[in-house]
N, C-alpha and C. Protein backbone atom coordinates (compact mmCIF):
# COMPACT_ATOMS: atom_id res chain seq x y z
N MET A 1 108.16 53.86 198.78
CA MET A 1 108.68 53.04 197.67
C MET A 1 110.19 53.27 197.53
N LYS A 2 110.93 52.17 197.53
CA LYS A 2 112.39 52.26 197.40
C LYS A 2 112.78 52.21 195.92
N ILE A 3 113.78 52.97 195.57
CA ILE A 3 114.32 52.89 194.21
C ILE A 3 115.37 51.79 194.21
N ARG A 4 115.17 50.84 193.32
CA ARG A 4 116.09 49.70 193.28
C ARG A 4 117.07 49.85 192.14
N LYS A 5 118.26 49.36 192.35
CA LYS A 5 119.28 49.37 191.29
C LYS A 5 118.98 48.23 190.32
N ALA A 6 119.56 48.29 189.14
CA ALA A 6 119.36 47.26 188.12
C ALA A 6 119.82 45.90 188.63
N SER A 7 120.89 45.89 189.43
CA SER A 7 121.41 44.61 189.93
C SER A 7 120.43 43.96 190.91
N ASP A 8 119.65 44.79 191.61
CA ASP A 8 118.68 44.26 192.57
C ASP A 8 117.49 43.61 191.87
N LEU A 9 117.18 44.06 190.68
CA LEU A 9 116.02 43.54 189.95
C LEU A 9 116.21 42.08 189.55
N SER A 10 117.41 41.72 189.16
CA SER A 10 117.65 40.35 188.70
C SER A 10 118.08 39.43 189.84
N GLY A 11 118.01 39.92 191.06
CA GLY A 11 118.45 39.12 192.20
C GLY A 11 119.76 39.67 192.74
N THR A 12 120.27 39.03 193.77
CA THR A 12 121.48 39.54 194.42
C THR A 12 122.72 39.29 193.58
N GLN A 13 122.75 38.18 192.86
CA GLN A 13 123.92 37.87 192.03
C GLN A 13 123.49 37.59 190.60
N PRO A 14 124.39 37.78 189.64
CA PRO A 14 124.06 37.52 188.23
C PRO A 14 123.66 36.07 188.02
N SER A 15 122.78 35.86 187.07
CA SER A 15 122.30 34.50 186.82
C SER A 15 123.39 33.64 186.19
N PHE A 16 123.16 32.34 186.20
CA PHE A 16 124.10 31.38 185.65
C PHE A 16 124.34 31.64 184.16
N LEU A 17 123.26 31.99 183.46
CA LEU A 17 123.37 32.26 182.02
C LEU A 17 124.25 33.47 181.75
N ASP A 18 124.15 34.47 182.61
CA ASP A 18 125.01 35.65 182.45
C ASP A 18 126.48 35.26 182.56
N HIS A 19 126.78 34.43 183.55
CA HIS A 19 128.15 33.95 183.73
C HIS A 19 128.60 33.19 182.49
N CYS A 20 127.76 32.29 182.01
CA CYS A 20 128.10 31.48 180.83
C CYS A 20 128.36 32.36 179.62
N GLY A 21 127.48 33.34 179.42
CA GLY A 21 127.62 34.26 178.29
C GLY A 21 128.93 35.01 178.35
N THR A 22 129.27 35.49 179.55
CA THR A 22 130.52 36.25 179.74
C THR A 22 131.72 35.36 179.46
N ILE A 23 131.71 34.16 180.04
CA ILE A 23 132.83 33.22 179.86
C ILE A 23 132.97 32.86 178.39
N LEU A 24 131.84 32.59 177.74
CA LEU A 24 131.84 32.23 176.32
C LEU A 24 132.42 33.37 175.48
N LEU A 25 132.01 34.58 175.81
CA LEU A 25 132.48 35.76 175.07
C LEU A 25 133.99 35.92 175.22
N ILE A 26 134.47 35.73 176.46
CA ILE A 26 135.91 35.84 176.74
C ILE A 26 136.68 34.76 175.99
N CYS A 27 136.13 33.55 175.97
CA CYS A 27 136.79 32.43 175.29
C CYS A 27 136.76 32.60 173.78
N MET A 28 135.66 33.12 173.26
CA MET A 28 135.49 33.23 171.81
C MET A 28 136.24 34.40 171.20
N SER A 29 136.48 35.45 171.98
CA SER A 29 137.11 36.66 171.44
C SER A 29 138.44 36.39 170.73
N PRO A 30 139.40 35.68 171.39
CA PRO A 30 140.66 35.41 170.69
C PRO A 30 140.46 34.56 169.44
N LEU A 31 139.52 33.62 169.52
CA LEU A 31 139.24 32.74 168.39
C LEU A 31 138.71 33.55 167.21
N LEU A 32 137.76 34.44 167.49
CA LEU A 32 137.20 35.28 166.43
C LEU A 32 138.26 36.20 165.84
N LEU A 33 139.11 36.72 166.72
CA LEU A 33 140.20 37.59 166.27
C LEU A 33 141.14 36.81 165.36
N CYS A 34 141.45 35.58 165.78
CA CYS A 34 142.33 34.70 165.02
C CYS A 34 141.72 34.41 163.65
N ILE A 35 140.40 34.12 163.63
CA ILE A 35 139.71 33.81 162.37
C ILE A 35 139.76 35.03 161.46
N SER A 36 139.51 36.23 162.03
CA SER A 36 139.50 37.43 161.19
C SER A 36 140.89 37.73 160.63
N ILE A 37 141.92 37.53 161.46
CA ILE A 37 143.30 37.75 160.99
C ILE A 37 143.63 36.72 159.91
N HIS A 38 143.27 35.45 160.18
CA HIS A 38 143.53 34.38 159.22
C HIS A 38 142.80 34.66 157.91
N GLY A 39 141.57 35.13 158.01
CA GLY A 39 140.79 35.47 156.83
C GLY A 39 141.45 36.55 156.00
N ARG A 40 141.98 37.55 156.71
CA ARG A 40 142.68 38.64 156.02
C ARG A 40 143.93 38.13 155.34
N ILE A 41 144.65 37.25 156.04
CA ILE A 41 145.87 36.68 155.47
C ILE A 41 145.53 35.86 154.22
N CYS A 42 144.46 35.05 154.33
CA CYS A 42 144.04 34.23 153.18
C CYS A 42 143.67 35.11 152.00
N LEU A 43 142.92 36.16 152.28
CA LEU A 43 142.49 37.08 151.22
C LEU A 43 143.71 37.75 150.61
N GLY A 44 144.64 38.16 151.46
CA GLY A 44 145.87 38.79 150.99
C GLY A 44 146.66 37.85 150.10
N ASN A 45 146.77 36.59 150.53
CA ASN A 45 147.50 35.59 149.75
C ASN A 45 146.83 35.35 148.41
N ARG A 46 145.50 35.32 148.42
CA ARG A 46 144.76 35.07 147.18
C ARG A 46 144.99 36.22 146.19
N ILE A 47 144.90 37.44 146.69
CA ILE A 47 145.12 38.61 145.84
C ILE A 47 146.56 38.59 145.32
N HIS A 48 147.49 38.27 146.20
CA HIS A 48 148.91 38.21 145.84
C HIS A 48 149.13 37.17 144.75
N THR A 49 148.49 36.00 144.90
CA THR A 49 148.63 34.92 143.92
C THR A 49 148.07 35.36 142.56
N ILE A 50 146.91 36.01 142.60
CA ILE A 50 146.29 36.47 141.35
C ILE A 50 147.21 37.49 140.66
N LEU A 51 147.73 38.43 141.45
CA LEU A 51 148.64 39.45 140.88
C LEU A 51 149.90 38.81 140.32
N LEU A 52 150.43 37.83 141.07
CA LEU A 52 151.63 37.14 140.64
C LEU A 52 151.37 36.40 139.32
N TYR A 53 150.23 35.73 139.25
CA TYR A 53 149.85 34.99 138.05
C TYR A 53 149.71 35.95 136.86
N LYS A 54 149.03 37.09 137.10
CA LYS A 54 148.82 38.04 136.02
C LYS A 54 150.14 38.61 135.53
N THR A 55 151.05 38.91 136.46
CA THR A 55 152.34 39.46 136.03
C THR A 55 153.14 38.39 135.28
N ARG A 56 153.01 37.14 135.70
CA ARG A 56 153.72 36.05 135.03
C ARG A 56 153.20 35.90 133.60
N VAL A 57 151.89 35.92 133.45
CA VAL A 57 151.27 35.82 132.12
C VAL A 57 151.70 37.00 131.26
N TRP A 58 151.67 38.20 131.86
CA TRP A 58 152.04 39.41 131.15
C TRP A 58 153.50 39.35 130.71
N ARG A 59 154.38 38.82 131.60
CA ARG A 59 155.81 38.70 131.28
C ARG A 59 156.03 37.73 130.13
N SER A 60 155.35 36.60 130.19
CA SER A 60 155.51 35.61 129.12
C SER A 60 155.01 36.18 127.79
N PHE A 61 153.95 36.99 127.87
CA PHE A 61 153.41 37.65 126.69
C PHE A 61 154.44 38.62 126.12
N LEU A 62 155.08 39.41 126.99
CA LEU A 62 156.11 40.35 126.56
C LEU A 62 157.33 39.63 126.01
N ASP A 63 157.68 38.50 126.63
CA ASP A 63 158.80 37.68 126.14
C ASP A 63 158.53 37.19 124.72
N ARG A 64 157.28 36.79 124.49
CA ARG A 64 156.91 36.32 123.15
C ARG A 64 157.04 37.44 122.13
N LEU A 65 156.66 38.66 122.54
CA LEU A 65 156.76 39.81 121.64
C LEU A 65 158.22 40.13 121.32
N ASP A 66 159.08 39.93 122.32
CA ASP A 66 160.50 40.23 122.13
C ASP A 66 161.19 39.25 121.19
N GLN A 67 160.71 38.01 121.15
CA GLN A 67 161.35 36.99 120.31
C GLN A 67 161.15 37.29 118.83
N PRO A 68 162.18 37.11 118.07
CA PRO A 68 162.02 37.32 116.62
C PRO A 68 161.16 36.22 116.00
N LEU A 69 160.39 36.59 115.00
CA LEU A 69 159.48 35.60 114.37
C LEU A 69 160.24 34.63 113.47
């Protein structure tokens, strides 16, 4: 009985689906990276906007306190 390698079990060359999966993974990786970076940027912008809004409201509130009645 011969000991066969894993590559021998699936045939001499990788199947078509294996090739497709690999190509798809290579093509999708930059896209997924881009989406994750974009998502982080969007989240950062949203947090920044909320903070900016809160500071603006807080400033206007302080301005009102400073004004004489």
